[in-house]
Amino acid sequence: KFIKKPPRRGGARGGRFPERGKTGSNNMSDRKQNALTGFIDSVYCGSGVDGRGLRCVVFFSGCNLRCPFCHNPETLFKRGRETSAEELFQKLKRYKPYFKKGGVTLSGGEPFLQKDFLLARVSLLRRENIHVVAETNGHIPDEEILRALDGVIVDIKNQEADEPSVYESFFTLCDRVGCPYEITNVLVPGKNDTGEKLADLAKLVRGRGKRVKFLPFRKLCEEKY
C-alpha cells in the first residue's frame, strides 16, 4: 500500500558489503520487538545504486540535519506513515526472491534517529538472511546499530557548519566494531566544492584506506520546495 516511487537524490550510491554472519538478535522479546512502530515516508523496491545488487530502500521519516540542498525534504520530519516492524517486514519479505543477491537499504531522512524500530527491523530481516545496510549522515555514532548492520554508506555533508571531527568519531567506531563503510559526498556548487573544503575532506579520509565517491548535485527535487 505504501510502496512508492523513490525520493530523488543527488546521485547514484553504491557499495559492496559482505555478509557479517549475524542472526540479528538483540535483547528485546519477539513480541515486543514485532510491535515496535516507526515512521516511514516510503519504500522503493528495484534500486541498483544503494548497496550491492538489487535492493528495497526504506526511507525513514525524520532527520537531525537541515541541509539547504536536501533532495528529500519530505523526510525531514516524522510525517510519514506509522507502521510496525512486523508489518513492514512482511511486505519486504515478499521481495526476497527478487533481491536474493542484494538486500534492504535503510535510508531517509536519518534512520539512526529511530533506533529501536531500526534494530527491530534489522533483527527480523537478518533472521531471513537478508543483507541490510543503512545510509546515514554519520552524526549518530551508535555502537549497537553498527554491530547489527552489514554495513553503512556515510554521506559527508561537508557544508559550512559541518564539523569534521563528527565523522572521525563515526569512522573510528565503525573500525572498532568491524562495520564496513563506504563514504559518499554530494558536491554542491558554492557550498562544499572549494579547495579548502575538498582539502578538509581529503584529510578526513586519509590513512583510513578509503576513497570518497563524489556524487553530482542535481536539481531534481526543486519542485518539492
N, C-alpha and C. Protein backbone atom coordinates (compact mmCIF):
# COMPACT_ATOMS: atom_id res chain seq x y z
N LYS A 1 0.83 -1.21 0.00
CA LYS A 1 0.00 0.00 0.00
C LYS A 1 0.86 1.25 0.00
N PHE A 2 2.00 1.19 0.72
CA PHE A 2 2.82 2.38 0.78
C PHE A 2 4.13 2.21 0.03
N ILE A 3 4.12 1.32 -1.01
CA ILE A 3 5.27 1.23 -1.90
C ILE A 3 5.15 2.37 -2.91
N LYS A 4 6.12 3.28 -2.90
CA LYS A 4 6.03 4.47 -3.73
C LYS A 4 7.24 4.60 -4.62
N LYS A 5 7.19 5.62 -5.46
CA LYS A 5 8.36 5.96 -6.25
C LYS A 5 9.43 6.48 -5.31
N PRO A 6 10.70 6.30 -5.65
CA PRO A 6 11.77 6.72 -4.74
C PRO A 6 11.92 8.22 -4.69
N PRO A 7 12.22 8.77 -3.46
CA PRO A 7 12.59 10.18 -3.41
C PRO A 7 13.81 10.40 -4.28
N ARG A 8 13.94 11.55 -4.87
CA ARG A 8 15.06 11.82 -5.76
C ARG A 8 16.28 12.20 -4.96
N ARG A 9 17.44 11.80 -5.44
CA ARG A 9 18.68 12.02 -4.71
C ARG A 9 19.66 12.84 -5.52
N GLY A 10 20.82 13.09 -4.89
CA GLY A 10 21.86 13.87 -5.53
C GLY A 10 22.64 13.08 -6.55
N GLY A 11 22.61 11.77 -6.50
CA GLY A 11 23.37 10.98 -7.45
C GLY A 11 23.33 9.53 -7.06
N ALA A 12 23.99 8.68 -7.84
CA ALA A 12 23.98 7.24 -7.57
C ALA A 12 24.85 6.91 -6.38
N ARG A 13 24.39 5.96 -5.58
CA ARG A 13 25.19 5.47 -4.48
C ARG A 13 25.43 3.99 -4.69
N GLY A 14 26.54 3.54 -4.24
CA GLY A 14 26.84 2.13 -4.42
C GLY A 14 27.32 1.52 -3.15
N GLY A 15 27.99 0.38 -3.25
CA GLY A 15 28.53 -0.24 -2.06
C GLY A 15 28.44 -1.74 -2.14
N ARG A 16 29.52 -2.41 -1.82
CA ARG A 16 29.51 -3.86 -1.78
C ARG A 16 29.96 -4.29 -0.40
N PHE A 17 29.02 -4.69 0.41
CA PHE A 17 29.33 -5.08 1.76
C PHE A 17 29.10 -6.58 1.93
N PRO A 18 30.04 -7.31 2.50
CA PRO A 18 29.87 -8.75 2.69
C PRO A 18 28.90 -9.05 3.82
N GLU A 19 28.37 -10.27 3.81
CA GLU A 19 27.55 -10.71 4.93
C GLU A 19 28.41 -10.79 6.17
N ARG A 20 27.84 -10.39 7.32
CA ARG A 20 28.60 -10.42 8.56
C ARG A 20 28.29 -11.65 9.39
N GLY A 21 27.34 -12.48 8.92
CA GLY A 21 27.10 -13.76 9.57
C GLY A 21 26.40 -13.68 10.90
N LYS A 22 25.57 -12.62 11.10
CA LYS A 22 24.86 -12.48 12.37
C LYS A 22 23.40 -12.84 12.19
N THR A 23 22.77 -13.23 13.28
CA THR A 23 21.36 -13.56 13.24
C THR A 23 20.49 -12.34 13.43
N GLY A 24 21.07 -11.24 13.93
CA GLY A 24 20.30 -10.03 14.13
C GLY A 24 19.51 -10.02 15.42
N SER A 25 19.77 -10.94 16.33
CA SER A 25 19.04 -10.98 17.58
C SER A 25 19.51 -9.88 18.51
N ASN A 26 18.63 -9.40 19.38
CA ASN A 26 19.01 -8.43 20.41
C ASN A 26 18.25 -8.76 21.69
N ASN A 27 18.23 -7.85 22.65
CA ASN A 27 17.70 -8.16 23.96
C ASN A 27 16.18 -8.05 24.05
N MET A 28 15.52 -7.56 23.03
CA MET A 28 14.07 -7.40 23.09
C MET A 28 13.37 -8.74 22.84
N SER A 29 12.26 -8.96 23.53
CA SER A 29 11.47 -10.16 23.26
C SER A 29 10.86 -10.06 21.89
N ASP A 30 10.55 -11.21 21.27
CA ASP A 30 9.99 -11.20 19.92
C ASP A 30 8.70 -10.40 19.85
N ARG A 31 7.83 -10.58 20.83
CA ARG A 31 6.53 -9.90 20.78
C ARG A 31 6.71 -8.39 20.88
N LYS A 32 7.53 -7.95 21.81
CA LYS A 32 7.76 -6.52 21.99
C LYS A 32 8.45 -5.94 20.77
N GLN A 33 9.38 -6.71 20.21
CA GLN A 33 10.13 -6.27 19.03
C GLN A 33 9.21 -6.08 17.83
N ASN A 34 8.36 -7.06 17.59
CA ASN A 34 7.47 -7.00 16.43
C ASN A 34 6.44 -5.89 16.53
N ALA A 35 6.09 -5.51 17.78
CA ALA A 35 5.07 -4.49 17.99
C ALA A 35 5.61 -3.08 17.88
N LEU A 36 6.92 -2.91 17.87
CA LEU A 36 7.52 -1.58 17.77
C LEU A 36 7.08 -0.89 16.48
N THR A 37 6.75 0.37 16.61
CA THR A 37 6.34 1.12 15.42
C THR A 37 7.34 2.23 15.11
N GLY A 38 7.35 2.63 13.86
CA GLY A 38 8.21 3.72 13.42
C GLY A 38 7.54 4.48 12.30
N PHE A 39 8.17 5.57 11.88
CA PHE A 39 7.60 6.41 10.83
C PHE A 39 8.41 6.25 9.54
N ILE A 40 7.70 5.89 8.48
CA ILE A 40 8.30 5.63 7.18
C ILE A 40 7.67 6.57 6.15
N ASP A 41 8.52 7.19 5.34
CA ASP A 41 7.98 8.03 4.27
C ASP A 41 7.53 7.19 3.09
N SER A 42 8.38 6.26 2.66
CA SER A 42 8.05 5.43 1.50
C SER A 42 9.04 4.28 1.40
N VAL A 43 8.71 3.35 0.53
CA VAL A 43 9.57 2.20 0.24
C VAL A 43 9.68 2.07 -1.27
N TYR A 44 10.89 1.87 -1.75
CA TYR A 44 11.10 1.69 -3.19
C TYR A 44 11.85 0.38 -3.42
N CYS A 45 11.29 -0.50 -4.18
CA CYS A 45 11.94 -1.76 -4.50
C CYS A 45 12.39 -1.75 -5.96
N GLY A 46 13.68 -1.99 -6.16
CA GLY A 46 14.23 -2.00 -7.50
C GLY A 46 15.46 -1.14 -7.66
N SER A 47 16.04 -0.68 -6.55
CA SER A 47 17.23 0.17 -6.63
C SER A 47 18.47 -0.66 -6.92
N GLY A 48 19.31 -0.15 -7.80
CA GLY A 48 20.58 -0.79 -8.08
C GLY A 48 21.76 0.06 -7.68
N VAL A 49 21.51 1.13 -6.89
CA VAL A 49 22.58 2.08 -6.55
C VAL A 49 22.70 2.33 -5.05
N ASP A 50 22.00 1.59 -4.23
CA ASP A 50 22.01 1.82 -2.79
C ASP A 50 22.60 0.64 -2.03
N GLY A 51 23.71 0.12 -2.53
CA GLY A 51 24.31 -1.07 -1.95
C GLY A 51 24.47 -2.12 -3.03
N ARG A 52 24.93 -3.29 -2.64
CA ARG A 52 25.21 -4.33 -3.62
C ARG A 52 23.90 -4.90 -4.19
N GLY A 53 23.91 -5.23 -5.45
CA GLY A 53 22.78 -5.89 -6.10
C GLY A 53 21.51 -5.05 -6.10
N LEU A 54 20.39 -5.70 -6.42
CA LEU A 54 19.09 -5.04 -6.39
C LEU A 54 18.59 -4.96 -4.95
N ARG A 55 17.96 -3.83 -4.61
CA ARG A 55 17.60 -3.63 -3.21
C ARG A 55 16.25 -2.96 -3.07
N CYS A 56 15.63 -3.20 -1.91
CA CYS A 56 14.48 -2.42 -1.48
C CYS A 56 15.01 -1.33 -0.55
N VAL A 57 14.64 -0.10 -0.80
CA VAL A 57 15.10 1.02 0.02
C VAL A 57 13.95 1.55 0.85
N VAL A 58 14.15 1.60 2.17
CA VAL A 58 13.13 2.11 3.09
C VAL A 58 13.54 3.51 3.51
N PHE A 59 12.71 4.50 3.22
CA PHE A 59 13.01 5.89 3.55
C PHE A 59 12.35 6.25 4.88
N PHE A 60 13.18 6.34 5.93
CA PHE A 60 12.70 6.71 7.26
C PHE A 60 12.34 8.20 7.28
N SER A 61 11.35 8.55 8.09
CA SER A 61 10.98 9.96 8.29
C SER A 61 11.75 10.52 9.48
N GLY A 62 12.12 11.80 9.37
CA GLY A 62 12.84 12.47 10.44
C GLY A 62 14.32 12.57 10.16
N CYS A 63 14.89 13.75 10.42
CA CYS A 63 16.33 13.94 10.22
C CYS A 63 16.85 14.93 11.26
N ASN A 64 18.09 14.75 11.68
CA ASN A 64 18.72 15.63 12.66
C ASN A 64 19.47 16.79 12.02
N LEU A 65 19.55 16.81 10.68
CA LEU A 65 20.20 17.91 9.98
C LEU A 65 19.17 18.67 9.14
N ARG A 66 19.55 19.88 8.76
CA ARG A 66 18.70 20.71 7.89
C ARG A 66 19.56 21.25 6.75
N CYS A 67 20.04 20.37 5.92
CA CYS A 67 20.89 20.78 4.81
C CYS A 67 20.08 21.61 3.81
N PRO A 68 20.59 22.76 3.40
CA PRO A 68 19.84 23.61 2.47
C PRO A 68 19.68 23.01 1.08
N PHE A 69 20.44 21.94 0.79
CA PHE A 69 20.38 21.31 -0.52
C PHE A 69 19.78 19.90 -0.44
N CYS A 70 19.01 19.63 0.62
CA CYS A 70 18.43 18.30 0.81
C CYS A 70 17.56 17.88 -0.38
N HIS A 71 17.78 16.67 -0.88
CA HIS A 71 16.99 16.16 -2.00
C HIS A 71 15.72 15.45 -1.55
N ASN A 72 15.60 15.20 -0.25
CA ASN A 72 14.41 14.53 0.27
C ASN A 72 13.79 15.34 1.40
N PRO A 73 13.40 16.60 1.16
CA PRO A 73 12.86 17.43 2.24
C PRO A 73 11.59 16.87 2.86
N GLU A 74 10.91 16.00 2.13
CA GLU A 74 9.68 15.41 2.68
C GLU A 74 9.97 14.44 3.82
N THR A 75 11.24 14.07 4.00
CA THR A 75 11.60 13.13 5.07
C THR A 75 12.18 13.84 6.30
N LEU A 76 12.21 15.16 6.31
CA LEU A 76 12.85 15.88 7.41
C LEU A 76 12.11 15.71 8.74
N PHE A 77 10.81 15.53 8.69
CA PHE A 77 10.02 15.43 9.91
C PHE A 77 9.26 14.10 9.93
N LYS A 78 8.81 13.70 11.11
CA LYS A 78 8.08 12.44 11.24
C LYS A 78 6.63 12.63 10.81
N ARG A 79 6.47 12.78 9.51
CA ARG A 79 5.13 13.00 8.95
C ARG A 79 4.70 11.85 8.05
N GLY A 80 5.48 10.80 8.05
CA GLY A 80 5.15 9.67 7.19
C GLY A 80 4.14 8.74 7.82
N ARG A 81 4.06 7.57 7.26
CA ARG A 81 3.12 6.57 7.77
C ARG A 81 3.72 5.84 8.95
N GLU A 82 2.95 5.68 10.02
CA GLU A 82 3.40 4.90 11.17
C GLU A 82 3.10 3.43 10.90
N THR A 83 4.10 2.58 11.06
CA THR A 83 3.94 1.16 10.78
C THR A 83 4.74 0.35 11.79
N SER A 84 4.34 -0.88 12.00
CA SER A 84 5.08 -1.74 12.93
C SER A 84 6.22 -2.43 12.20
N ALA A 85 7.22 -2.85 12.97
CA ALA A 85 8.36 -3.55 12.39
C ALA A 85 7.91 -4.83 11.69
N GLU A 86 6.95 -5.53 12.29
CA GLU A 86 6.47 -6.78 11.71
C GLU A 86 5.72 -6.54 10.40
N GLU A 87 4.88 -5.52 10.37
CA GLU A 87 4.11 -5.22 9.16
C GLU A 87 5.04 -4.90 8.00
N LEU A 88 6.03 -4.07 8.24
CA LEU A 88 6.96 -3.70 7.18
C LEU A 88 7.81 -4.88 6.77
N PHE A 89 8.20 -5.69 7.74
CA PHE A 89 9.00 -6.88 7.44
C PHE A 89 8.25 -7.83 6.51
N GLN A 90 6.98 -8.05 6.77
CA GLN A 90 6.19 -8.95 5.93
C GLN A 90 6.08 -8.43 4.50
N LYS A 91 6.00 -7.12 4.33
CA LYS A 91 5.94 -6.55 2.98
C LYS A 91 7.27 -6.72 2.26
N LEU A 92 8.36 -6.50 2.97
CA LEU A 92 9.68 -6.63 2.36
C LEU A 92 10.03 -8.08 2.07
N LYS A 93 9.59 -8.97 2.92
CA LYS A 93 9.90 -10.39 2.79
C LYS A 93 9.39 -10.95 1.47
N ARG A 94 8.31 -10.40 0.97
CA ARG A 94 7.74 -10.89 -0.30
C ARG A 94 8.69 -10.66 -1.47
N TYR A 95 9.61 -9.72 -1.33
CA TYR A 95 10.54 -9.40 -2.41
C TYR A 95 11.86 -10.16 -2.29
N LYS A 96 11.97 -11.02 -1.31
CA LYS A 96 13.23 -11.72 -1.07
C LYS A 96 13.76 -12.45 -2.31
N PRO A 97 12.95 -13.20 -3.05
CA PRO A 97 13.48 -13.86 -4.27
C PRO A 97 13.98 -12.86 -5.30
N TYR A 98 13.40 -11.67 -5.30
CA TYR A 98 13.75 -10.65 -6.28
C TYR A 98 15.13 -10.06 -5.99
N PHE A 99 15.45 -9.84 -4.70
CA PHE A 99 16.74 -9.24 -4.37
C PHE A 99 17.67 -10.22 -3.65
N LYS A 100 17.64 -11.49 -4.07
CA LYS A 100 18.43 -12.51 -3.39
C LYS A 100 19.92 -12.22 -3.41
N LYS A 101 20.41 -11.46 -4.39
CA LYS A 101 21.83 -11.08 -4.42
C LYS A 101 22.02 -9.65 -3.94
N GLY A 102 20.95 -9.04 -3.46
CA GLY A 102 21.00 -7.68 -2.94
C GLY A 102 20.55 -7.65 -1.50
N GLY A 103 19.50 -6.89 -1.22
CA GLY A 103 19.01 -6.81 0.15
C GLY A 103 18.16 -5.59 0.38
N VAL A 104 18.20 -5.09 1.61
CA VAL A 104 17.41 -3.95 2.03
C VAL A 104 18.35 -2.84 2.49
N THR A 105 18.05 -1.62 2.08
CA THR A 105 18.82 -0.45 2.50
C THR A 105 17.91 0.49 3.28
N LEU A 106 18.34 0.87 4.47
CA LEU A 106 17.60 1.79 5.32
C LEU A 106 18.14 3.20 5.07
N SER A 107 17.27 4.09 4.58
CA SER A 107 17.70 5.42 4.21
C SER A 107 16.76 6.44 4.83
N GLY A 108 16.75 7.65 4.32
CA GLY A 108 15.88 8.64 4.91
C GLY A 108 15.95 9.97 4.19
N GLY A 109 15.80 11.03 5.02
CA GLY A 109 15.86 11.11 6.47
C GLY A 109 17.12 10.49 7.06
N GLU A 110 17.07 10.31 8.37
CA GLU A 110 18.17 9.69 9.09
C GLU A 110 17.64 8.50 9.89
N PRO A 111 17.91 7.26 9.40
CA PRO A 111 17.37 6.07 10.05
C PRO A 111 17.87 5.86 11.48
N PHE A 112 19.06 6.36 11.82
CA PHE A 112 19.60 6.15 13.17
C PHE A 112 18.78 6.85 14.24
N LEU A 113 17.93 7.81 13.87
CA LEU A 113 17.10 8.52 14.85
C LEU A 113 16.03 7.61 15.44
N GLN A 114 15.61 6.60 14.70
CA GLN A 114 14.58 5.67 15.18
C GLN A 114 15.25 4.35 15.56
N LYS A 115 16.07 4.39 16.59
CA LYS A 115 16.95 3.28 16.92
C LYS A 115 16.20 1.98 17.19
N ASP A 116 15.23 1.99 18.10
CA ASP A 116 14.55 0.75 18.46
C ASP A 116 13.82 0.14 17.27
N PHE A 117 13.17 0.98 16.49
CA PHE A 117 12.46 0.50 15.30
C PHE A 117 13.45 -0.05 14.30
N LEU A 118 14.56 0.63 14.11
CA LEU A 118 15.59 0.17 13.19
C LEU A 118 16.14 -1.20 13.61
N LEU A 119 16.46 -1.34 14.89
CA LEU A 119 17.02 -2.61 15.38
C LEU A 119 16.02 -3.75 15.24
N ALA A 120 14.75 -3.46 15.49
CA ALA A 120 13.72 -4.49 15.33
C ALA A 120 13.62 -4.93 13.88
N ARG A 121 13.67 -3.96 12.96
CA ARG A 121 13.62 -4.26 11.54
C ARG A 121 14.81 -5.09 11.11
N VAL A 122 16.00 -4.69 11.54
CA VAL A 122 17.21 -5.41 11.15
C VAL A 122 17.18 -6.83 11.68
N SER A 123 16.73 -7.01 12.92
CA SER A 123 16.68 -8.34 13.51
C SER A 123 15.77 -9.27 12.70
N LEU A 124 14.61 -8.77 12.32
CA LEU A 124 13.67 -9.59 11.56
C LEU A 124 14.24 -9.93 10.18
N LEU A 125 14.87 -8.97 9.53
CA LEU A 125 15.43 -9.21 8.21
C LEU A 125 16.61 -10.17 8.26
N ARG A 126 17.46 -10.03 9.27
CA ARG A 126 18.63 -10.90 9.38
C ARG A 126 18.24 -12.34 9.65
N ARG A 127 17.11 -12.56 10.32
CA ARG A 127 16.64 -13.93 10.55
C ARG A 127 16.32 -14.63 9.23
N GLU A 128 15.99 -13.83 8.22
CA GLU A 128 15.72 -14.37 6.89
C GLU A 128 16.96 -14.32 6.00
N ASN A 129 18.11 -14.03 6.63
CA ASN A 129 19.39 -13.92 5.90
C ASN A 129 19.32 -12.87 4.79
N ILE A 130 18.65 -11.77 5.09
CA ILE A 130 18.56 -10.66 4.15
C ILE A 130 19.64 -9.63 4.50
N HIS A 131 20.42 -9.26 3.51
CA HIS A 131 21.52 -8.31 3.68
C HIS A 131 20.96 -6.91 3.95
N VAL A 132 21.44 -6.25 5.03
CA VAL A 132 20.89 -4.96 5.44
C VAL A 132 22.01 -3.93 5.64
N VAL A 133 21.92 -2.82 4.92
CA VAL A 133 22.84 -1.70 5.13
C VAL A 133 22.01 -0.45 5.38
N ALA A 134 22.67 0.59 5.91
CA ALA A 134 21.98 1.86 6.16
C ALA A 134 22.75 3.00 5.50
N GLU A 135 22.00 3.97 5.01
CA GLU A 135 22.58 5.22 4.52
C GLU A 135 22.39 6.26 5.61
N THR A 136 23.47 6.89 6.05
CA THR A 136 23.43 7.78 7.20
C THR A 136 24.26 9.03 6.98
N ASN A 137 23.97 10.08 7.76
CA ASN A 137 24.79 11.28 7.68
C ASN A 137 25.99 11.21 8.62
N GLY A 138 26.13 10.13 9.37
CA GLY A 138 27.31 9.92 10.19
C GLY A 138 27.40 10.77 11.45
N HIS A 139 26.29 11.38 11.86
CA HIS A 139 26.31 12.23 13.05
C HIS A 139 25.82 11.52 14.30
N ILE A 140 25.46 10.24 14.17
CA ILE A 140 24.98 9.49 15.34
C ILE A 140 25.79 8.20 15.45
N PRO A 141 26.93 8.24 16.11
CA PRO A 141 27.76 7.03 16.25
C PRO A 141 27.19 6.10 17.32
N ASP A 142 26.42 5.14 16.89
CA ASP A 142 25.74 4.22 17.82
C ASP A 142 26.30 2.82 17.63
N GLU A 143 26.98 2.30 18.64
CA GLU A 143 27.64 1.00 18.54
C GLU A 143 26.66 -0.14 18.31
N GLU A 144 25.53 -0.11 19.01
CA GLU A 144 24.55 -1.20 18.89
C GLU A 144 24.01 -1.29 17.46
N ILE A 145 23.72 -0.15 16.86
CA ILE A 145 23.22 -0.16 15.48
C ILE A 145 24.29 -0.67 14.53
N LEU A 146 25.50 -0.18 14.67
CA LEU A 146 26.57 -0.57 13.76
C LEU A 146 26.88 -2.06 13.85
N ARG A 147 26.79 -2.63 15.04
CA ARG A 147 27.02 -4.07 15.20
C ARG A 147 25.92 -4.90 14.54
N ALA A 148 24.73 -4.33 14.43
CA ALA A 148 23.60 -5.07 13.86
C ALA A 148 23.59 -5.08 12.34
N LEU A 149 24.19 -4.04 11.72
CA LEU A 149 24.12 -3.89 10.27
C LEU A 149 25.22 -4.65 9.54
N ASP A 150 25.00 -4.89 8.25
CA ASP A 150 26.03 -5.48 7.39
C ASP A 150 26.97 -4.42 6.85
N GLY A 151 26.60 -3.15 6.98
CA GLY A 151 27.45 -2.07 6.51
C GLY A 151 26.69 -0.76 6.49
N VAL A 152 27.43 0.35 6.30
CA VAL A 152 26.80 1.66 6.21
C VAL A 152 27.41 2.45 5.05
N ILE A 153 26.59 3.31 4.47
CA ILE A 153 27.04 4.27 3.47
C ILE A 153 26.93 5.64 4.12
N VAL A 154 28.07 6.28 4.36
CA VAL A 154 28.11 7.54 5.09
C VAL A 154 28.24 8.69 4.10
N ASP A 155 27.23 9.55 4.08
CA ASP A 155 27.25 10.70 3.18
C ASP A 155 27.75 11.92 3.95
N ILE A 156 28.96 12.36 3.64
CA ILE A 156 29.54 13.52 4.30
C ILE A 156 28.96 14.79 3.69
N LYS A 157 28.35 15.61 4.52
CA LYS A 157 27.71 16.83 4.01
C LYS A 157 28.74 17.90 3.70
N ASN A 158 29.75 18.06 4.59
CA ASN A 158 30.88 18.94 4.31
C ASN A 158 30.44 20.36 3.97
N GLN A 159 29.36 20.82 4.59
CA GLN A 159 28.89 22.17 4.32
C GLN A 159 29.53 23.16 5.30
N GLU A 160 29.08 24.40 5.28
CA GLU A 160 29.74 25.48 6.02
C GLU A 160 29.96 25.15 7.50
N ALA A 161 28.92 24.70 8.18
CA ALA A 161 28.99 24.50 9.63
C ALA A 161 29.28 23.05 10.03
N ASP A 162 29.59 22.20 9.08
CA ASP A 162 29.81 20.79 9.38
C ASP A 162 31.19 20.59 10.01
N GLU A 163 31.22 19.91 11.16
CA GLU A 163 32.46 19.70 11.89
C GLU A 163 33.05 18.33 11.53
N PRO A 164 34.25 18.29 10.93
CA PRO A 164 34.85 17.02 10.51
C PRO A 164 35.05 16.01 11.63
N SER A 165 35.26 16.47 12.87
CA SER A 165 35.50 15.55 13.98
C SER A 165 34.31 14.63 14.23
N VAL A 166 33.12 15.07 13.82
CA VAL A 166 31.93 14.22 13.97
C VAL A 166 32.12 12.93 13.19
N TYR A 167 32.62 13.05 11.98
CA TYR A 167 32.82 11.88 11.14
C TYR A 167 33.99 11.03 11.62
N GLU A 168 35.01 11.65 12.17
CA GLU A 168 36.14 10.90 12.70
C GLU A 168 35.68 9.94 13.78
N SER A 169 34.81 10.42 14.66
CA SER A 169 34.27 9.57 15.72
C SER A 169 33.46 8.41 15.15
N PHE A 170 32.68 8.72 14.11
CA PHE A 170 31.84 7.69 13.50
C PHE A 170 32.69 6.62 12.81
N PHE A 171 33.68 7.04 12.04
CA PHE A 171 34.54 6.10 11.32
C PHE A 171 35.36 5.25 12.30
N THR A 172 35.83 5.88 13.37
CA THR A 172 36.60 5.14 14.37
C THR A 172 35.76 4.05 15.01
N LEU A 173 34.50 4.37 15.29
CA LEU A 173 33.60 3.37 15.87
C LEU A 173 33.33 2.25 14.87
N CYS A 174 33.12 2.58 13.60
CA CYS A 174 32.91 1.55 12.58
C CYS A 174 34.10 0.60 12.53
N ASP A 175 35.31 1.15 12.55
CA ASP A 175 36.51 0.32 12.52
C ASP A 175 36.58 -0.57 13.76
N ARG A 176 36.21 -0.02 14.90
CA ARG A 176 36.34 -0.78 16.15
C ARG A 176 35.37 -1.96 16.21
N VAL A 177 34.15 -1.76 15.73
CA VAL A 177 33.16 -2.84 15.81
C VAL A 177 33.15 -3.71 14.55
N GLY A 178 33.98 -3.35 13.55
CA GLY A 178 34.05 -4.17 12.34
C GLY A 178 32.89 -3.99 11.39
N CYS A 179 32.32 -2.78 11.35
CA CYS A 179 31.21 -2.50 10.44
C CYS A 179 31.76 -1.86 9.16
N PRO A 180 31.67 -2.52 8.01
CA PRO A 180 32.18 -1.95 6.76
C PRO A 180 31.45 -0.65 6.43
N TYR A 181 32.16 0.30 5.86
CA TYR A 181 31.52 1.55 5.49
C TYR A 181 32.10 2.11 4.19
N GLU A 182 31.24 2.80 3.47
CA GLU A 182 31.59 3.49 2.24
C GLU A 182 31.31 4.97 2.45
N ILE A 183 32.10 5.84 1.84
CA ILE A 183 31.95 7.28 2.03
C ILE A 183 31.51 7.94 0.72
N THR A 184 30.46 8.74 0.79
CA THR A 184 29.99 9.49 -0.37
C THR A 184 29.95 10.98 -0.03
N ASN A 185 29.91 11.81 -1.05
CA ASN A 185 29.85 13.26 -0.86
C ASN A 185 29.21 13.89 -2.08
N VAL A 186 28.11 14.62 -1.86
CA VAL A 186 27.46 15.34 -2.94
C VAL A 186 28.12 16.71 -3.08
N LEU A 187 28.70 16.98 -4.23
CA LEU A 187 29.36 18.26 -4.46
C LEU A 187 28.32 19.31 -4.85
N VAL A 188 28.18 20.32 -4.01
CA VAL A 188 27.19 21.37 -4.24
C VAL A 188 27.93 22.68 -4.55
N PRO A 189 27.74 23.23 -5.73
CA PRO A 189 28.43 24.46 -6.11
C PRO A 189 28.22 25.58 -5.09
N GLY A 190 29.32 26.15 -4.64
CA GLY A 190 29.25 27.26 -3.70
C GLY A 190 29.06 26.87 -2.26
N LYS A 191 28.88 25.56 -1.98
CA LYS A 191 28.67 25.10 -0.61
C LYS A 191 29.83 24.28 -0.09
N ASN A 192 30.27 23.31 -0.88
CA ASN A 192 31.34 22.43 -0.38
C ASN A 192 32.33 22.02 -1.48
N ASP A 193 32.40 22.81 -2.53
CA ASP A 193 33.28 22.44 -3.65
C ASP A 193 34.53 23.31 -3.73
N THR A 194 34.80 24.07 -2.67
CA THR A 194 36.00 24.92 -2.66
C THR A 194 37.24 24.06 -2.38
N GLY A 195 38.41 24.61 -2.70
CA GLY A 195 39.66 23.90 -2.44
C GLY A 195 39.84 23.59 -0.97
N GLU A 196 39.42 24.52 -0.12
CA GLU A 196 39.55 24.32 1.33
C GLU A 196 38.69 23.17 1.81
N LYS A 197 37.45 23.13 1.33
CA LYS A 197 36.53 22.06 1.75
C LYS A 197 37.01 20.70 1.25
N LEU A 198 37.49 20.64 0.03
CA LEU A 198 37.98 19.37 -0.51
C LEU A 198 39.24 18.92 0.20
N ALA A 199 40.07 19.87 0.62
CA ALA A 199 41.28 19.53 1.38
C ALA A 199 40.90 18.96 2.75
N ASP A 200 39.88 19.54 3.38
CA ASP A 200 39.40 19.03 4.66
C ASP A 200 38.88 17.61 4.51
N LEU A 201 38.19 17.37 3.40
CA LEU A 201 37.64 16.04 3.14
C LEU A 201 38.77 15.02 2.93
N ALA A 202 39.78 15.41 2.18
CA ALA A 202 40.92 14.52 1.94
C ALA A 202 41.64 14.19 3.24
N LYS A 203 41.78 15.18 4.10
CA LYS A 203 42.43 14.98 5.39
C LYS A 203 41.63 14.02 6.26
N LEU A 204 40.32 14.11 6.16
CA LEU A 204 39.44 13.27 6.97
C LEU A 204 39.58 11.79 6.63
N VAL A 205 39.68 11.47 5.35
CA VAL A 205 39.71 10.06 4.94
C VAL A 205 41.12 9.51 4.79
N ARG A 206 42.11 10.41 4.81
CA ARG A 206 43.50 9.98 4.64
C ARG A 206 43.90 9.03 5.78
N GLY A 207 44.54 7.94 5.43
CA GLY A 207 45.00 6.99 6.43
C GLY A 207 43.98 5.93 6.80
N ARG A 208 42.77 6.04 6.28
CA ARG A 208 41.74 5.04 6.59
C ARG A 208 41.58 4.02 5.46
N GLY A 209 42.34 4.20 4.41
CA GLY A 209 42.25 3.26 3.30
C GLY A 209 40.93 3.35 2.56
N LYS A 210 40.30 4.52 2.60
CA LYS A 210 39.00 4.72 1.96
C LYS A 210 39.10 5.74 0.83
N ARG A 211 38.17 5.62 -0.10
CA ARG A 211 38.04 6.60 -1.17
C ARG A 211 36.65 7.22 -1.07
N VAL A 212 36.55 8.48 -1.44
CA VAL A 212 35.27 9.17 -1.42
C VAL A 212 34.60 9.03 -2.79
N LYS A 213 33.36 8.62 -2.80
CA LYS A 213 32.60 8.56 -4.05
C LYS A 213 31.84 9.88 -4.19
N PHE A 214 32.27 10.71 -5.13
CA PHE A 214 31.63 12.00 -5.33
C PHE A 214 30.37 11.84 -6.18
N LEU A 215 29.31 12.49 -5.73
CA LEU A 215 28.02 12.43 -6.40
C LEU A 215 27.66 13.81 -6.94
N PRO A 216 27.15 13.88 -8.16
CA PRO A 216 26.78 15.19 -8.72
C PRO A 216 25.53 15.76 -8.06
N PHE A 217 25.50 17.06 -7.90
CA PHE A 217 24.31 17.72 -7.37
C PHE A 217 23.33 17.95 -8.52
N ARG A 218 22.10 17.52 -8.30
CA ARG A 218 21.08 17.67 -9.32
C ARG A 218 19.87 18.37 -8.72
N LYS A 219 19.19 19.16 -9.54
CA LYS A 219 18.06 19.95 -9.05
C LYS A 219 16.73 19.24 -9.30
N LEU A 220 16.75 17.92 -9.23
CA LEU A 220 15.54 17.15 -9.50
C LEU A 220 14.48 17.35 -8.41
N CYS A 221 14.92 17.83 -7.23
CA CYS A 221 13.99 17.99 -6.11
C CYS A 221 13.40 19.39 -6.05
N GLU A 222 13.68 20.22 -7.03
CA GLU A 222 13.32 21.64 -6.97
C GLU A 222 11.84 21.86 -6.73
N GLU A 223 11.00 21.00 -7.31
CA GLU A 223 9.55 21.21 -7.16
C GLU A 223 9.05 20.87 -5.77
N LYS A 224 9.90 20.25 -4.95
CA LYS A 224 9.49 19.89 -3.59
C LYS A 224 9.54 21.08 -2.63
N TYR A 225 10.22 22.14 -3.04
CA TYR A 225 10.39 23.31 -2.16
C TYR A 225 9.37 24.40 -2.49
